[in-house]
Amino acid sequence: MERQVDGVVLRGKVVPAGGDLPAPDAPREYLTPEAAALIYDGVAENTRTAYRRAWTQFES
């Protein structure tokens, strides 16, 4: 997907700002799908895995 905003070309896949990371829901409503995709893609899969594991440990 490609979109131009204020002269800047945004490229990337659109992903839901879903519950894959433990984060508050409120700020997500302010993100465009492109912004959510950029943030999501900016975190390596291994990092997301480590966060999920740590969060699960914290919850238990």
N, C-alpha and C. Protein backbone atom coordinates (compact mmCIF):
# COMPACT_ATOMS: atom_id res chain seq x y z
N MET A 1 0.85 -1.18 0.00
CA MET A 1 0.00 0.00 0.00
C MET A 1 0.89 1.24 0.00
N GLU A 2 0.51 2.21 -0.76
CA GLU A 2 1.26 3.46 -0.82
C GLU A 2 0.30 4.62 -0.73
N ARG A 3 0.66 5.59 0.09
CA ARG A 3 -0.18 6.77 0.27
C ARG A 3 0.71 7.97 0.54
N GLN A 4 0.31 9.12 0.02
CA GLN A 4 1.08 10.33 0.24
C GLN A 4 0.33 11.23 1.23
N VAL A 5 1.04 11.65 2.26
CA VAL A 5 0.47 12.52 3.28
C VAL A 5 1.44 13.68 3.49
N ASP A 6 0.96 14.89 3.28
CA ASP A 6 1.79 16.09 3.45
C ASP A 6 3.12 15.98 2.72
N GLY A 7 3.10 15.46 1.52
CA GLY A 7 4.30 15.38 0.71
C GLY A 7 5.20 14.19 1.03
N VAL A 8 4.83 13.38 2.00
CA VAL A 8 5.63 12.22 2.38
C VAL A 8 4.92 10.96 1.88
N VAL A 9 5.65 10.12 1.18
CA VAL A 9 5.08 8.88 0.67
C VAL A 9 5.21 7.81 1.74
N LEU A 10 4.07 7.23 2.13
CA LEU A 10 4.05 6.15 3.10
C LEU A 10 3.85 4.84 2.37
N ARG A 11 4.68 3.87 2.67
CA ARG A 11 4.57 2.55 2.05
C ARG A 11 4.53 1.51 3.15
N GLY A 12 3.76 0.47 2.93
CA GLY A 12 3.75 -0.63 3.88
C GLY A 12 2.40 -1.31 3.92
N LYS A 13 2.38 -2.41 4.61
CA LYS A 13 1.14 -3.15 4.73
C LYS A 13 0.31 -2.57 5.87
N VAL A 14 -0.98 -2.71 5.75
CA VAL A 14 -1.88 -2.26 6.79
C VAL A 14 -2.16 -3.45 7.70
N VAL A 15 -1.94 -3.24 8.98
CA VAL A 15 -2.20 -4.30 9.95
C VAL A 15 -3.14 -3.76 11.01
N PRO A 16 -3.95 -4.63 11.57
CA PRO A 16 -4.83 -4.15 12.63
C PRO A 16 -4.01 -3.78 13.85
N ALA A 17 -4.46 -2.78 14.56
CA ALA A 17 -3.79 -2.39 15.81
C ALA A 17 -4.35 -3.26 16.91
N GLY A 18 -4.32 -4.56 16.69
CA GLY A 18 -4.96 -5.53 17.57
C GLY A 18 -4.16 -5.86 18.80
N GLY A 19 -4.59 -6.88 19.48
CA GLY A 19 -4.06 -7.21 20.79
C GLY A 19 -2.79 -8.01 20.77
N ASP A 20 -1.97 -7.88 19.77
CA ASP A 20 -0.75 -8.66 19.74
C ASP A 20 0.31 -8.07 20.66
N LEU A 21 0.21 -6.79 21.00
CA LEU A 21 1.12 -6.19 21.97
C LEU A 21 0.31 -5.68 23.16
N PRO A 22 0.83 -5.84 24.36
CA PRO A 22 0.10 -5.33 25.52
C PRO A 22 0.23 -3.82 25.61
N ALA A 23 -0.75 -3.11 25.15
CA ALA A 23 -0.72 -1.65 25.18
C ALA A 23 -2.14 -1.14 25.39
N PRO A 24 -2.27 0.05 25.95
CA PRO A 24 -3.62 0.60 26.14
C PRO A 24 -4.34 0.78 24.81
N ASP A 25 -5.65 0.61 24.83
CA ASP A 25 -6.44 0.73 23.61
C ASP A 25 -6.70 2.17 23.20
N ALA A 26 -6.76 3.09 24.13
CA ALA A 26 -7.16 4.46 23.83
C ALA A 26 -6.33 5.13 22.74
N PRO A 27 -5.00 5.10 22.79
CA PRO A 27 -4.23 5.81 21.76
C PRO A 27 -4.43 5.26 20.35
N ARG A 28 -4.78 3.98 20.24
CA ARG A 28 -4.93 3.36 18.92
C ARG A 28 -6.00 4.04 18.08
N GLU A 29 -7.03 4.56 18.73
CA GLU A 29 -8.11 5.18 17.97
C GLU A 29 -7.63 6.44 17.25
N TYR A 30 -6.49 6.97 17.63
CA TYR A 30 -5.96 8.17 17.01
C TYR A 30 -4.98 7.87 15.89
N LEU A 31 -4.62 6.60 15.71
CA LEU A 31 -3.65 6.23 14.68
C LEU A 31 -4.36 5.91 13.37
N THR A 32 -3.77 6.38 12.27
CA THR A 32 -4.25 5.95 10.97
C THR A 32 -3.76 4.52 10.75
N PRO A 33 -4.38 3.78 9.87
CA PRO A 33 -3.87 2.43 9.59
C PRO A 33 -2.41 2.44 9.14
N GLU A 34 -2.02 3.48 8.40
CA GLU A 34 -0.64 3.57 7.93
C GLU A 34 0.31 3.77 9.11
N ALA A 35 -0.07 4.63 10.06
CA ALA A 35 0.78 4.86 11.24
C ALA A 35 0.89 3.59 12.06
N ALA A 36 -0.22 2.88 12.23
CA ALA A 36 -0.18 1.61 12.97
C ALA A 36 0.74 0.62 12.28
N ALA A 37 0.69 0.57 10.96
CA ALA A 37 1.55 -0.35 10.20
C ALA A 37 3.01 0.01 10.36
N LEU A 38 3.33 1.30 10.31
CA LEU A 38 4.72 1.73 10.47
C LEU A 38 5.25 1.38 11.86
N ILE A 39 4.43 1.58 12.87
CA ILE A 39 4.84 1.25 14.23
C ILE A 39 5.02 -0.25 14.37
N TYR A 40 4.05 -1.01 13.88
CA TYR A 40 4.11 -2.47 13.97
C TYR A 40 5.33 -3.01 13.24
N ASP A 41 5.56 -2.52 12.04
CA ASP A 41 6.70 -2.99 11.24
C ASP A 41 8.04 -2.54 11.82
N GLY A 42 8.01 -1.53 12.68
CA GLY A 42 9.24 -1.03 13.30
C GLY A 42 9.72 -1.89 14.46
N VAL A 43 8.94 -2.89 14.83
CA VAL A 43 9.32 -3.78 15.93
C VAL A 43 9.55 -5.17 15.35
N ALA A 44 10.73 -5.69 15.56
CA ALA A 44 11.10 -7.00 15.01
C ALA A 44 10.22 -8.11 15.59
N GLU A 45 9.98 -9.13 14.81
CA GLU A 45 9.15 -10.26 15.26
C GLU A 45 9.72 -10.88 16.53
N ASN A 46 11.05 -11.01 16.62
CA ASN A 46 11.66 -11.58 17.83
C ASN A 46 11.37 -10.71 19.05
N THR A 47 11.34 -9.42 18.87
CA THR A 47 11.02 -8.50 19.96
C THR A 47 9.57 -8.67 20.38
N ARG A 48 8.66 -8.76 19.41
CA ARG A 48 7.24 -8.99 19.75
C ARG A 48 7.07 -10.30 20.51
N THR A 49 7.79 -11.33 20.09
CA THR A 49 7.73 -12.62 20.77
C THR A 49 8.21 -12.48 22.21
N ALA A 50 9.32 -11.79 22.40
CA ALA A 50 9.86 -11.58 23.75
C ALA A 50 8.88 -10.77 24.60
N TYR A 51 8.25 -9.74 24.03
CA TYR A 51 7.27 -8.94 24.76
C TYR A 51 6.08 -9.80 25.18
N ARG A 52 5.58 -10.62 24.25
CA ARG A 52 4.44 -11.49 24.59
C ARG A 52 4.80 -12.45 25.72
N ARG A 53 6.00 -13.03 25.64
CA ARG A 53 6.45 -13.95 26.66
C ARG A 53 6.57 -13.25 28.02
N ALA A 54 7.19 -12.08 28.03
CA ALA A 54 7.34 -11.32 29.27
C ALA A 54 5.99 -10.90 29.84
N TRP A 55 5.08 -10.50 28.96
CA TRP A 55 3.75 -10.06 29.42
C TRP A 55 2.98 -11.24 30.02
N THR A 56 3.09 -12.40 29.39
CA THR A 56 2.43 -13.59 29.90
C THR A 56 2.98 -13.95 31.28
N GLN A 57 4.30 -13.86 31.42
CA GLN A 57 4.93 -14.11 32.72
C GLN A 57 4.43 -13.11 33.76
N PHE A 58 4.36 -11.86 33.38
CA PHE A 58 3.90 -10.82 34.30
C PHE A 58 2.46 -11.09 34.75
N GLU A 59 1.60 -11.47 33.79
CA GLU A 59 0.21 -11.71 34.13
C GLU A 59 0.03 -12.91 35.06
N SER A 60 0.89 -13.91 34.89
CA SER A 60 0.74 -15.10 35.74
C SER A 60 1.45 -14.90 37.06
